[in-house]
Protein backbone atom coordinates (compact mmCIF):
# COMPACT_ATOMS: atom_id res chain seq x y z
CA MET A 1 58.24 71.05 -10.46
CA SER A 2 58.08 70.31 -14.22
CA ARG A 3 61.81 69.70 -14.49
CA ASN A 4 61.53 67.16 -11.66
CA LEU A 5 58.69 65.27 -13.37
CA PRO A 6 60.88 62.73 -15.27
CA ILE A 7 62.62 61.77 -12.01
CA LEU A 8 59.34 61.51 -10.10
CA LEU A 9 57.62 59.49 -12.83
CA GLY A 10 60.64 57.21 -13.04
CA VAL A 11 60.79 56.43 -9.33
CA PHE A 12 57.00 55.94 -9.28
CA VAL A 13 57.14 53.39 -12.11
CA VAL A 14 60.15 51.52 -10.72
CA MET A 15 58.48 51.12 -7.31
CA ALA A 16 55.04 50.28 -8.71
CA LEU A 17 56.44 47.50 -10.88
CA SER A 18 58.38 46.07 -7.94
CA ASN A 19 55.18 45.79 -5.87
CA ALA A 20 52.92 44.57 -8.70
CA VAL A 21 53.71 40.92 -7.92
CA VAL A 22 53.01 41.13 -4.16
CA PRO A 23 49.17 40.75 -4.07
CA VAL A 24 49.32 37.92 -6.63
CA LEU A 25 52.41 36.05 -5.43
CA PRO A 26 50.54 32.70 -5.16
CA ASP A 27 49.86 32.89 -8.91
CA PHE A 28 53.56 33.37 -9.66
CA ALA A 29 54.87 30.62 -7.41
CA GLY A 30 53.59 27.72 -5.32
CA GLY A 31 54.55 27.39 -1.67
CA ALA A 32 55.71 29.93 0.87
CA ALA A 33 59.40 29.26 0.20
CA MET A 34 59.24 29.99 -3.52
CA GLN A 35 56.96 32.97 -2.98
CA GLY A 36 59.43 34.36 -0.45
CA ALA A 37 62.25 33.82 -2.94
CA VAL A 38 60.38 35.70 -5.68
CA TYR A 39 59.73 38.56 -3.24
CA ALA A 40 63.31 38.65 -1.94
CA ALA A 41 65.06 38.35 -5.32
CA TYR A 42 64.15 41.95 -6.13
CA PHE A 43 65.44 43.28 -2.82
CA PHE A 44 68.65 41.29 -3.13
CA GLY A 45 69.34 42.78 -6.56
CA ALA A 46 68.71 46.28 -5.24
CA PHE A 47 70.73 45.67 -2.08
CA VAL A 48 73.90 44.71 -3.96
CA THR A 49 73.59 47.60 -6.43
CA VAL A 50 72.66 50.72 -4.46
CA LEU A 51 76.09 51.45 -2.97
CA PRO A 52 78.16 50.88 -6.16
CA ALA A 53 75.55 52.92 -8.05
CA GLY A 54 75.81 55.78 -5.59
CA MET A 55 79.61 55.80 -5.78
CA ALA A 56 79.52 55.59 -9.59
CA SER A 57 77.07 58.49 -9.83
CA ASP A 58 79.65 60.75 -8.18
CA ARG A 59 82.15 59.81 -10.88
CA ILE A 60 80.17 59.57 -14.10
CA GLY A 61 77.07 61.57 -13.17
CA ARG A 62 73.58 60.69 -12.07
CA VAL A 63 71.76 60.85 -15.41
CA PRO A 64 73.43 57.86 -17.16
CA LEU A 65 72.61 55.62 -14.19
CA ILE A 66 69.03 56.90 -14.02
CA ARG A 67 68.54 55.98 -17.68
CA ALA A 68 70.29 52.61 -17.27
CA GLY A 69 68.05 51.81 -14.29
CA LEU A 70 64.90 52.57 -16.29
CA LEU A 71 66.18 50.50 -19.22
CA LEU A 72 66.81 47.50 -16.95
CA THR A 73 63.38 47.97 -15.36
CA LEU A 74 61.72 47.91 -18.79
CA ALA A 75 63.71 44.86 -19.91
CA SER A 76 63.00 42.93 -16.70
CA GLY A 77 59.27 43.68 -16.91
CA ILE A 78 59.11 42.33 -20.46
CA LEU A 79 61.10 39.22 -19.49
CA ILE A 80 58.85 38.54 -16.49
CA LEU A 81 55.82 38.70 -18.79
CA LEU A 82 57.50 36.18 -21.12
CA TYR A 83 58.82 33.86 -18.37
CA PRO A 84 56.54 34.29 -15.33
CA SER A 85 57.57 31.24 -13.31
CA GLY A 86 60.43 29.13 -11.99
CA LEU A 87 64.10 30.05 -11.99
CA PRO A 88 63.80 32.51 -14.91
CA LEU A 89 61.32 34.51 -12.82
CA LEU A 90 63.79 34.64 -9.94
CA LEU A 91 66.55 35.78 -12.30
CA PHE A 92 64.46 38.50 -13.88
CA ARG A 93 63.20 39.75 -10.50
CA GLY A 94 66.86 40.02 -9.51
CA ILE A 95 67.57 42.03 -12.68
CA GLU A 96 64.60 44.25 -11.84
CA GLY A 97 66.22 44.87 -8.45
CA LEU A 98 69.53 45.74 -10.12
CA GLY A 99 67.75 48.34 -12.23
CA ALA A 100 65.97 49.73 -9.19
CA GLY A 101 69.25 49.98 -7.30
CA LEU A 102 70.85 51.96 -10.14
CA PHE A 103 67.89 54.28 -10.45
CA VAL A 104 67.09 54.91 -6.80
CA SER A 105 70.64 55.73 -5.69
CA ALA A 106 71.29 58.01 -8.66
CA ALA A 107 67.89 59.72 -8.34
CA LEU A 108 68.32 60.32 -4.62
CA ALA A 109 71.85 61.65 -5.15
CA TRP A 110 70.44 63.92 -7.88
CA ALA A 111 67.78 65.23 -5.49
CA ASN A 112 70.08 65.62 -2.48
CA SER A 113 72.62 67.56 -4.57
CA HIS A 114 69.95 70.08 -5.53
CA PRO A 115 70.00 73.54 -3.87
CA SER A 116 66.50 72.79 -2.52
CA SER A 117 67.54 69.30 -1.48
CA GLY A 118 65.10 68.85 1.41
CA GLN A 119 62.02 69.62 -0.67
CA ILE A 120 63.16 67.72 -3.77
CA SER A 121 64.19 64.66 -1.75
CA GLY A 122 60.78 64.79 -0.10
CA TYR A 123 59.12 64.70 -3.52
CA VAL A 124 61.28 61.73 -4.56
CA MET A 125 60.45 59.76 -1.41
CA ALA A 126 56.76 60.63 -1.81
CA ALA A 127 56.79 59.36 -5.41
CA GLN A 128 58.57 56.22 -4.25
CA ASN A 129 55.94 55.43 -1.64
CA LEU A 130 53.09 56.40 -3.97
CA GLY A 131 54.47 53.89 -6.48
CA LEU A 132 54.51 51.18 -3.81
CA VAL A 133 50.89 51.93 -2.88
CA VAL A 134 49.61 52.07 -6.46
CA GLY A 135 51.54 48.95 -7.44
CA LEU A 136 50.05 47.07 -4.51
CA LEU A 137 46.45 48.16 -5.06
CA ALA A 138 46.39 48.31 -8.88
CA ALA A 139 47.82 44.80 -9.27
CA GLY A 140 44.93 43.37 -7.25
CA TRP A 141 42.31 45.38 -9.12
CA LEU A 142 43.77 44.58 -12.55
CA ASP A 143 43.99 40.90 -11.66
CA ALA A 144 40.27 40.90 -10.86
CA ALA A 145 39.36 42.97 -13.91
CA PHE A 146 41.37 41.03 -16.50
CA GLU A 147 41.55 37.68 -14.70
CA SER A 148 45.32 37.66 -15.14
CA HIS A 149 47.99 37.98 -12.48
CA LEU A 150 50.26 39.48 -15.16
CA ALA A 151 48.00 42.49 -15.78
CA GLY A 152 49.68 44.68 -13.16
CA VAL A 153 53.16 43.82 -14.40
CA ALA A 154 52.08 44.55 -17.98
CA ALA A 155 50.56 47.93 -17.04
CA PHE A 156 53.61 49.22 -15.18
CA THR A 157 56.04 47.79 -17.72
CA ALA A 158 54.19 49.78 -20.38
CA LEU A 159 54.35 52.90 -18.21
CA THR A 160 58.13 52.53 -18.07
CA VAL A 161 58.31 53.45 -21.77
CA PRO A 162 57.21 57.10 -21.36
CA ALA A 163 59.34 57.36 -18.20
CA LEU A 164 62.39 56.23 -20.19
CA ALA A 165 61.53 58.61 -23.04
CA MET A 166 61.18 61.55 -20.63
CA SER A 167 64.55 60.75 -19.07
CA VAL A 168 66.28 62.35 -22.07
CA THR A 169 65.23 65.74 -20.63
CA ILE A 170 66.93 65.17 -17.26
CA ARG A 171 69.96 67.36 -16.61
CA GLU A 172 72.58 66.89 -13.92
CA SER A 173 71.84 68.70 -10.66
CA GLY A 174 74.56 70.99 -9.40
CA HIS A 175 76.84 69.07 -7.10
CA GLY A 176 79.89 71.30 -7.01
CA GLY A 177 81.47 72.05 -3.65
CA PHE A 178 80.87 68.58 -2.23
CA ALA A 179 83.87 66.95 -0.56
CA ARG A 180 85.19 63.69 -2.00
CA ALA A 181 83.76 60.67 -0.22
CA ASP A 182 86.11 58.70 2.02
CA LEU A 183 84.02 55.56 2.52
CA PRO A 184 85.84 54.09 5.57
CA ALA A 185 85.70 57.46 7.35
CA ILE A 186 82.02 57.92 6.52
CA VAL A 187 81.10 54.45 7.81
CA ARG A 188 83.20 54.97 10.95
CA ASN A 189 81.70 58.37 11.75
CA TYR A 190 78.12 57.76 10.64
CA PHE A 191 77.67 54.09 11.51
CA TRP A 192 74.89 54.65 14.03
CA LEU A 193 73.07 57.01 11.69
CA PHE A 194 72.93 54.31 9.01
CA ALA A 195 72.07 51.68 11.64
CA ALA A 196 69.08 53.83 12.61
CA ALA A 197 68.06 53.99 8.95
CA ALA A 198 68.24 50.19 8.65
CA VAL A 199 66.20 49.51 11.78
CA LEU A 200 63.69 52.36 11.82
CA VAL A 201 62.93 52.54 8.08
CA GLY A 202 63.20 48.76 7.74
CA MET A 203 60.65 48.47 10.55
CA THR A 204 57.86 49.17 8.06
CA GLY A 205 58.91 46.14 6.00
CA ALA A 206 59.25 43.92 9.07
CA VAL A 207 55.75 44.74 10.30
CA ALA A 208 54.31 44.33 6.80
CA ALA A 209 56.02 40.94 6.44
CA ILE A 210 54.41 39.38 9.52
CA TYR A 211 51.08 41.23 9.50
CA PRO A 212 49.24 39.11 6.91
CA GLU A 213 49.86 35.82 8.73
CA TYR A 214 49.23 37.46 12.11
CA THR A 215 45.82 38.88 11.22
CA GLY A 216 44.66 36.24 8.75
CA SER A 217 42.63 38.91 6.94
CA GLY A 218 41.65 38.63 3.28
CA PRO A 219 43.91 40.02 0.52
CA SER A 220 41.74 43.05 -0.22
CA LEU A 221 41.58 44.19 3.39
CA LEU A 222 45.28 43.49 3.91
CA ALA A 223 46.21 45.49 0.83
CA LEU A 224 44.30 48.49 2.16
CA GLN A 225 45.72 48.14 5.66
CA LEU A 226 49.32 47.83 4.48
CA ALA A 227 48.83 50.67 2.00
CA THR A 228 48.16 53.02 4.92
CA ILE A 229 51.84 52.63 5.90
CA ASN A 230 53.04 54.06 2.59
CA ILE A 231 50.30 56.69 2.42
CA ALA A 232 51.32 58.00 5.83
CA THR A 233 54.96 58.01 4.73
CA ILE A 234 54.01 60.10 1.68
CA VAL A 235 52.28 62.69 3.87
CA ALA A 236 55.22 62.80 6.28
CA VAL A 237 57.95 63.26 3.66
CA LEU A 238 56.01 66.11 2.07
CA ILE A 239 55.34 67.96 5.33
CA ALA A 240 58.48 67.29 7.40
CA PRO A 241 60.95 69.16 5.08
CA ARG A 242 58.93 72.33 5.67
CA ILE A 243 59.61 72.13 9.41
CA ALA A 244 63.00 73.05 10.86
CA LEU A 245 63.86 69.73 12.53
CA ARG A 246 67.19 68.93 14.15
CA PRO A 247 68.05 65.51 12.72
CA VAL A 248 69.50 63.62 15.72
CA PRO A 249 66.90 64.74 18.32
CA THR A 250 64.18 64.04 15.75
CA ILE A 251 65.47 60.50 15.25
CA GLN A 252 65.67 59.95 19.02
CA ILE A 253 62.10 61.07 19.65
CA SER A 254 60.80 59.19 16.61
CA SER A 255 62.55 55.99 17.78
CA ILE A 256 60.64 56.01 21.07
CA LEU A 257 57.38 56.78 19.30
CA MET A 258 58.11 54.03 16.77
CA ALA A 259 58.55 51.49 19.58
CA GLY A 260 55.14 52.45 20.94
CA ALA A 261 53.55 52.34 17.49
CA VAL A 262 54.92 48.84 16.80
CA LEU A 263 53.53 47.60 20.12
CA ALA A 264 50.19 49.19 19.27
CA GLY A 265 50.32 47.39 15.91
CA TYR A 266 49.95 44.10 17.79
CA VAL A 267 46.58 45.34 19.02
CA THR A 268 45.14 47.43 16.20
CA PRO A 269 45.75 48.09 12.48
CA TYR A 270 45.19 51.78 13.16
CA ALA A 271 48.81 51.87 14.34
CA LEU A 272 50.08 51.07 10.84
CA PRO A 273 49.83 54.64 9.46
CA LEU A 274 51.60 55.90 12.58
CA ILE A 275 54.49 53.52 11.83
CA GLY A 276 54.61 54.77 8.23
CA GLY A 277 54.42 58.42 9.24
CA LEU A 278 57.25 58.10 11.75
CA ALA A 279 59.36 56.31 9.13
CA GLY A 280 58.78 59.26 6.80
CA VAL A 281 59.92 61.77 9.42
CA ILE A 282 63.04 59.69 10.07
CA ILE A 283 63.82 59.49 6.33
CA VAL A 284 63.59 63.27 5.99
CA ALA A 285 65.79 63.82 9.06
CA ILE A 286 68.50 61.45 7.83
CA LEU A 287 68.52 62.81 4.27
CA ALA A 288 68.68 66.38 5.58
CA PHE A 289 71.67 65.48 7.71
CA LEU A 290 73.41 63.75 4.80
CA ALA A 291 72.93 66.83 2.61
CA GLU A 292 74.35 69.06 5.35
CA THR A 293 77.60 67.05 5.46
CA LYS A 294 78.58 68.43 2.02
CA ILE A 295 80.11 65.05 1.17
CA GLN A 296 79.46 63.67 -2.32
CA GLN A 297 75.82 62.72 -2.20
CA GLY A 298 76.11 59.67 -4.47
CA ALA A 299 78.12 57.87 -1.81
CA MET A 300 75.86 59.09 1.00
CA ALA A 301 72.69 58.11 -0.89
CA GLY A 302 74.23 54.74 -1.72
CA LEU A 303 74.99 54.06 1.94
CA PHE A 304 71.52 55.23 2.99
CA ASN A 305 69.83 52.97 0.44
CA THR A 306 72.09 50.06 1.36
CA ALA A 307 71.08 50.47 4.99
CA THR A 308 67.36 50.68 4.27
CA TYR A 309 67.35 47.74 1.86
CA ALA A 310 69.32 45.73 4.41
CA GLY A 311 66.66 46.61 6.96
CA PHE A 312 63.83 45.57 4.64
CA THR A 313 65.57 42.30 3.79
CA PHE A 314 67.02 41.07 7.07
CA LEU A 315 64.67 42.65 9.61
CA ALA A 316 61.66 41.17 7.81
CA ALA A 317 63.31 37.74 7.75
CA PHE A 318 64.21 38.03 11.44
CA ALA A 319 60.65 39.02 12.39
CA GLY A 320 59.19 36.12 10.43
CA LEU A 321 61.62 33.66 12.01
CA VAL A 322 60.84 34.84 15.55
CA ALA A 323 57.08 34.79 14.91
CA GLY A 324 57.31 31.25 13.52
CA GLU A 325 59.58 29.84 16.23
CA PHE A 326 58.10 31.63 19.23
CA SER A 327 55.04 33.87 18.82
CA PHE A 328 53.81 36.99 17.10
CA LEU A 329 53.82 38.82 20.45
CA THR A 330 57.52 38.00 20.85
CA ALA A 331 58.21 39.33 17.36
CA PHE A 332 56.37 42.59 17.99
CA LEU A 333 58.12 43.02 21.37
CA LEU A 334 61.56 42.46 19.86
CA LEU A 335 60.89 44.87 16.99
CA ALA A 336 59.68 47.52 19.44
CA GLY A 337 62.76 46.97 21.59
CA MET A 338 65.07 47.40 18.60
CA ALA A 339 63.35 50.67 17.68
CA ALA A 340 63.71 51.99 21.24
CA VAL A 341 67.42 51.08 21.36
CA MET A 342 68.06 53.34 18.35
CA ALA A 343 67.13 56.36 20.49
CA PHE A 344 70.23 55.69 22.60
CA THR A 345 72.69 54.38 20.01
CA ILE A 346 72.22 57.39 17.71
CA SER A 347 73.75 59.57 20.43
CA GLY A 348 76.98 57.60 19.89
CA CYS A 349 77.17 58.76 16.27
CA ARG A 350 80.14 61.07 15.76
CA CYS A 351 78.25 62.72 12.92
CA GLU A 352 81.12 65.16 12.48
CA TYR A 353 82.95 64.17 9.33
CA ARG A 354 82.84 66.88 6.66
CA GLY A 355 85.20 65.38 4.11
């Protein structure tokens, strides 16, 4: 575990810093449109980077990109502290996303190329979700304690320094024996697998995006409720790799359960951890399948991250649009329907390409 610590600390810090602005968005920007832009700028930066970063990690190695991602994360945090409003804030949130894209794809490729890929990938995903939870909760607490909406950003920017220092100890994971990635063939053969990742993992972001306006609860209660999604994901990604799950049947069953959980989320917040837990099981199933293909894992991790970030970005926007134009019930029904459809479309995945 000790040799994995620099990777786990790095992914924790990157995710925590990304979420440190969420509870205090009104203090960073006025109006829903600008707040949405500040939130989305990070995801856009990550979305455009994760696939090129994954492909590059197969060529030049994972470690240089991991260090570059941490360096960009540190630089963006400092710049946000110096210029915490307006267009500069949007630019630096985008740069933060670029750094996250570099780091996450390279770190996941590093983990999935490890001989114990299922367990190590589970640790990485757990650290990622733990960072999201801590970033969300700590930013609110630090804001109250120091009466500054920048306190959370400052804390996690500072924590990036030891993460960057520890990255000098990271060594490349063994990735010999993996077939060279043929991107068109991978997309053609695994399209429905990545579509399932976009919809089913992105479902957590879509529900989180519309839940605050739907419930009208206070920030403290909302932070705790939404945190249960990530906490449940952490538990799932730590437990699921220890169970011999067949990836495609697992995704099919989880899709149906996810549809029911999303519908239940319209009625009770107690459905939120179920949504997060199912997303964790689906993540483990997909990553296990990608590792079994024996195709270069940088490309596979890049495609997986591209799919999930696309889901977070576009599914959340779609849910918000439907809720605003029609009703929250319509939004929840459509999201549940999309989850259920994945149980049938995944059976159309060829899932046979081995390089």
